[in-house]
């Protein structure tokens, strides 16, 4: 295999993260779309690729299958180190991973599509319930995240210093998802500033949901 292949869904924030990293690294790839709302990720052909039935999945140029967005991004950072997505020093790397995991491990798992769908199917949640659920869990993470960014001298134009990295990738993808649920960003001025700055960068724009081949 000479070209990477990304299995993705345009509106998946985890896929968005990986697309940003690929764009920042200048890595070309073939895009394979799987419509999550139509259940294409649960069909046999894709389950043969990823038994979890989740996106993203990345086949690297040597045929290696990579799953889970943060693992994929760190692999890309180690394989194609320029530009770096993690700081060079251990303390900086720990801080960036900490900020990233607040979003990727605490916030996103309770607000992803399969959880929201389960709330509807198993508990009869309506549109307002889903919106309130989503907004609640955003606030649960964004309130402490905002304070941590405000209190740290390491916060700069981006989450850590003056160039975008892993934490900004996670933050921007989450803020983009928030827009669909009308999340009020007024209480989070630093998060909003960082996300707006990142989302205006060429790599982030190239990777944005609305610019993907399967966008609706």
Protein backbone atom coordinates (compact mmCIF):
# COMPACT_ATOMS: atom_id res chain seq x y z
CA UNK A 1 0.00 0.00 0.00
CA UNK A 2 1.49 3.34 -1.02
CA UNK A 3 -1.24 5.72 0.08
CA UNK A 4 -2.87 6.06 3.49
CA UNK A 5 -6.60 5.35 3.65
CA UNK A 6 -8.83 7.13 6.15
CA UNK A 7 -12.21 5.66 7.05
CA UNK A 8 -14.21 8.65 8.20
CA UNK A 9 -17.56 10.39 8.58
CA UNK A 10 -17.63 14.08 7.87
CA UNK A 11 -19.39 15.05 11.11
CA UNK A 12 -17.46 12.75 13.43
CA UNK A 13 -15.34 14.91 15.72
CA UNK A 14 -12.84 12.08 16.22
CA UNK A 15 -12.44 11.78 12.45
CA UNK A 16 -12.10 15.56 12.28
CA UNK A 17 -9.17 15.34 14.74
CA UNK A 18 -7.32 12.88 12.54
CA UNK A 19 -8.06 14.85 9.38
CA UNK A 20 -6.56 17.95 11.01
CA UNK A 21 -3.41 16.08 11.96
CA UNK A 22 -3.06 14.63 8.47
CA UNK A 23 -3.51 18.09 6.94
CA UNK A 24 -1.02 19.68 9.33
CA UNK A 25 1.53 17.02 8.45
CA UNK A 26 0.84 17.35 4.73
CA UNK A 27 -0.03 13.66 4.44
CA UNK A 28 -2.20 12.71 1.48
CA UNK A 29 -4.77 9.95 1.84
CA UNK A 30 -7.78 8.31 0.24
CA UNK A 31 -11.05 9.13 1.95
CA UNK A 32 -13.52 6.31 2.62
CA UNK A 33 -16.85 7.60 3.93
CA UNK A 34 -19.18 5.68 6.24
CA UNK A 35 -22.50 7.34 7.03
CA UNK A 36 -23.01 6.83 10.76
CA UNK A 37 -26.67 7.85 10.77
CA UNK A 38 -27.41 5.31 8.03
CA UNK A 39 -25.59 2.59 9.95
CA UNK A 40 -22.94 1.99 7.31
CA UNK A 41 -20.31 1.58 10.06
CA UNK A 42 -22.24 -1.46 11.32
CA UNK A 43 -22.30 -3.27 8.00
CA UNK A 44 -20.13 -6.33 7.36
CA UNK A 45 -17.58 -4.71 5.00
CA UNK A 46 -16.60 -2.09 7.54
CA UNK A 47 -16.74 -4.44 10.53
CA UNK A 48 -14.15 -6.49 8.66
CA UNK A 49 -11.94 -3.40 8.84
CA UNK A 50 -12.78 -2.33 12.39
CA UNK A 51 -14.71 -4.81 14.56
CA UNK A 52 -15.70 -1.91 16.85
CA UNK A 53 -17.61 -0.32 14.00
CA UNK A 54 -16.25 3.11 14.87
CA UNK A 55 -14.52 5.85 12.92
CA UNK A 56 -11.85 6.91 12.33
CA UNK A 57 -9.74 4.02 11.13
CA UNK A 58 -6.50 4.71 9.29
CA UNK A 59 -4.63 2.27 7.11
CA UNK A 60 -1.06 3.55 7.04
CA UNK A 61 1.07 3.38 3.92
CA UNK A 62 2.56 0.02 4.97
CA UNK A 63 -0.90 -1.49 5.49
CA UNK A 64 -0.90 -1.14 9.29
CA UNK A 65 -4.39 -0.53 10.70
CA UNK A 66 -4.60 2.23 13.29
CA UNK A 67 -7.65 2.91 15.46
CA UNK A 68 -8.58 5.50 18.12
CA UNK A 69 -7.97 9.13 17.19
CA UNK A 70 -5.41 10.03 19.86
CA UNK A 71 -3.36 6.90 19.16
CA UNK A 72 -3.49 7.67 15.43
CA UNK A 73 -2.41 11.28 15.95
CA UNK A 74 0.50 10.32 18.20
CA UNK A 75 1.57 7.72 15.64
CA UNK A 76 1.52 10.39 12.95
CA UNK A 77 3.54 12.70 15.18
CA UNK A 78 6.19 10.05 15.74
CA UNK A 79 6.26 8.97 12.10
CA UNK A 80 6.13 12.41 10.48
CA UNK A 81 7.59 14.66 13.22
CA UNK A 82 7.31 18.01 11.41
CA UNK A 83 5.42 20.03 12.51
CA UNK A 84 5.35 18.58 16.03
CA UNK A 85 1.97 18.21 17.72
CA UNK A 86 3.43 17.65 21.19
CA UNK A 87 6.03 19.75 23.04
CA UNK A 88 9.60 18.54 23.29
CA UNK A 89 9.75 18.57 27.11
CA UNK A 90 8.07 15.98 29.37
CA UNK A 91 6.11 18.55 31.39
CA UNK A 92 4.76 20.17 28.24
CA UNK A 93 3.80 16.82 26.73
CA UNK A 94 2.02 15.84 29.93
CA UNK A 95 0.09 19.13 29.99
CA UNK A 96 -0.98 18.84 26.35
CA UNK A 97 -2.06 15.23 26.83
CA UNK A 98 -3.96 16.23 29.98
CA UNK A 99 -5.89 18.95 28.16
CA UNK A 100 -6.52 16.68 25.18
CA UNK A 101 -7.79 13.83 27.32
CA UNK A 102 -10.20 16.06 29.20
CA UNK A 103 -12.00 16.46 25.90
CA UNK A 104 -11.31 13.10 24.28
CA UNK A 105 -11.79 10.88 27.35
CA UNK A 106 -14.15 12.80 29.65
CA UNK A 107 -16.38 14.88 27.39
CA UNK A 108 -16.62 13.20 24.01
CA UNK A 109 -17.53 9.67 25.20
CA UNK A 110 -20.78 10.84 26.86
CA UNK A 111 -21.78 13.04 23.92
CA UNK A 112 -20.98 10.91 20.88
CA UNK A 113 -23.62 9.73 18.43
CA UNK A 114 -24.10 6.23 19.81
CA UNK A 115 -24.71 7.57 23.34
CA UNK A 116 -27.16 10.19 22.10
CA UNK A 117 -28.93 7.55 20.01
CA UNK A 118 -29.12 5.23 23.02
CA UNK A 119 -30.72 8.00 25.07
CA UNK A 120 -33.45 8.23 22.45
CA UNK A 121 -33.96 4.50 21.95
CA UNK A 122 -33.58 3.21 25.51
CA UNK A 123 -34.95 6.11 27.51
CA UNK A 124 -37.26 7.97 25.13
CA UNK A 125 -35.25 11.19 25.19
CA UNK A 126 -36.54 13.90 22.86
CA UNK A 127 -34.67 16.61 21.00
CA UNK A 128 -34.70 19.02 23.96
CA UNK A 129 -33.45 16.31 26.29
CA UNK A 130 -30.60 15.48 23.94
CA UNK A 131 -29.62 19.13 23.58
CA UNK A 132 -29.68 19.70 27.34
CA UNK A 133 -27.64 16.54 27.92
CA UNK A 134 -25.02 17.62 25.38
CA UNK A 135 -24.76 21.15 26.78
CA UNK A 136 -24.53 19.88 30.36
CA UNK A 137 -21.54 17.65 29.68
CA UNK A 138 -19.79 20.34 27.65
CA UNK A 139 -20.05 22.67 30.65
CA UNK A 140 -18.82 19.95 33.01
CA UNK A 141 -15.52 19.87 31.10
CA UNK A 142 -15.27 23.36 29.66
CA UNK A 143 -15.68 25.15 33.00
CA UNK A 144 -12.56 23.61 34.59
CA UNK A 145 -10.74 23.64 31.26
CA UNK A 146 -11.32 27.38 30.93
CA UNK A 147 -9.93 27.97 34.43
CA UNK A 148 -6.90 25.79 33.75
CA UNK A 149 -6.11 27.65 30.54
CA UNK A 150 -6.61 31.01 32.28
CA UNK A 151 -4.34 30.11 35.19
CA UNK A 152 -1.42 28.66 33.26
CA UNK A 153 1.50 30.72 31.93
CA UNK A 154 1.91 28.03 29.28
CA UNK A 155 -1.30 29.09 27.56
CA UNK A 156 -0.54 31.31 24.60
CA UNK A 157 -2.20 31.92 21.27
CA UNK A 158 -3.02 28.21 21.47
CA UNK A 159 -3.56 25.81 24.35
CA UNK A 160 0.18 25.43 24.83
CA UNK A 161 2.31 28.22 23.48
CA UNK A 162 2.31 29.81 20.07
CA UNK A 163 1.72 26.92 17.70
CA UNK A 164 -1.22 24.54 17.41
CA UNK A 165 -0.90 21.00 18.64
CA UNK A 166 -2.81 18.00 19.90
CA UNK A 167 -4.85 19.90 22.49
CA UNK A 168 -5.96 22.47 19.92
CA UNK A 169 -6.97 19.70 17.53
CA UNK A 170 -9.21 18.16 20.19
CA UNK A 171 -10.56 21.52 21.29
CA UNK A 172 -11.38 22.78 17.81
CA UNK A 173 -13.17 19.55 16.87
CA UNK A 174 -15.26 19.69 20.03
CA UNK A 175 -16.18 23.35 19.55
CA UNK A 176 -17.26 22.55 16.00
CA UNK A 177 -19.56 19.83 17.37
CA UNK A 178 -20.89 22.26 19.97
CA UNK A 179 -22.20 24.49 17.21
CA UNK A 180 -24.76 21.87 16.17
CA UNK A 181 -26.23 21.95 19.67
CA UNK A 182 -26.19 25.71 20.13
CA UNK A 183 -23.71 25.67 23.02
CA UNK A 184 -23.24 29.18 24.41
CA UNK A 185 -19.51 29.90 24.33
CA UNK A 186 -19.80 33.23 26.18
CA UNK A 187 -18.68 31.71 29.52
CA UNK A 188 -15.54 30.32 27.86
CA UNK A 189 -13.71 33.26 26.26
CA UNK A 190 -10.26 31.67 26.22
CA UNK A 191 -11.54 28.41 24.77
CA UNK A 192 -13.51 30.35 22.17
CA UNK A 193 -10.50 32.48 21.23
CA UNK A 194 -8.20 29.48 20.84
CA UNK A 195 -10.77 27.48 18.88
CA UNK A 196 -11.61 30.39 16.57
CA UNK A 197 -7.91 30.96 15.88
CA UNK A 198 -7.29 27.28 15.17
CA UNK A 199 -10.36 26.81 13.00
CA UNK A 200 -9.21 29.68 10.77
CA UNK A 201 -5.91 27.93 9.97
CA UNK A 202 -5.66 26.30 6.52
CA UNK A 203 -5.18 22.74 7.83
CA UNK A 204 -8.18 23.03 10.14
CA UNK A 205 -10.30 24.50 7.35
CA UNK A 206 -9.26 21.75 4.93
CA UNK A 207 -10.25 19.13 7.51
CA UNK A 208 -13.53 20.79 8.53
CA UNK A 209 -16.73 18.72 8.26
CA UNK A 210 -18.30 20.98 5.66
CA UNK A 211 -15.32 20.49 3.35
CA UNK A 212 -15.42 16.70 3.21
CA UNK A 213 -16.62 14.66 0.20
CA UNK A 214 -19.52 13.18 2.19
CA UNK A 215 -20.70 16.48 3.70
CA UNK A 216 -24.45 17.02 3.54
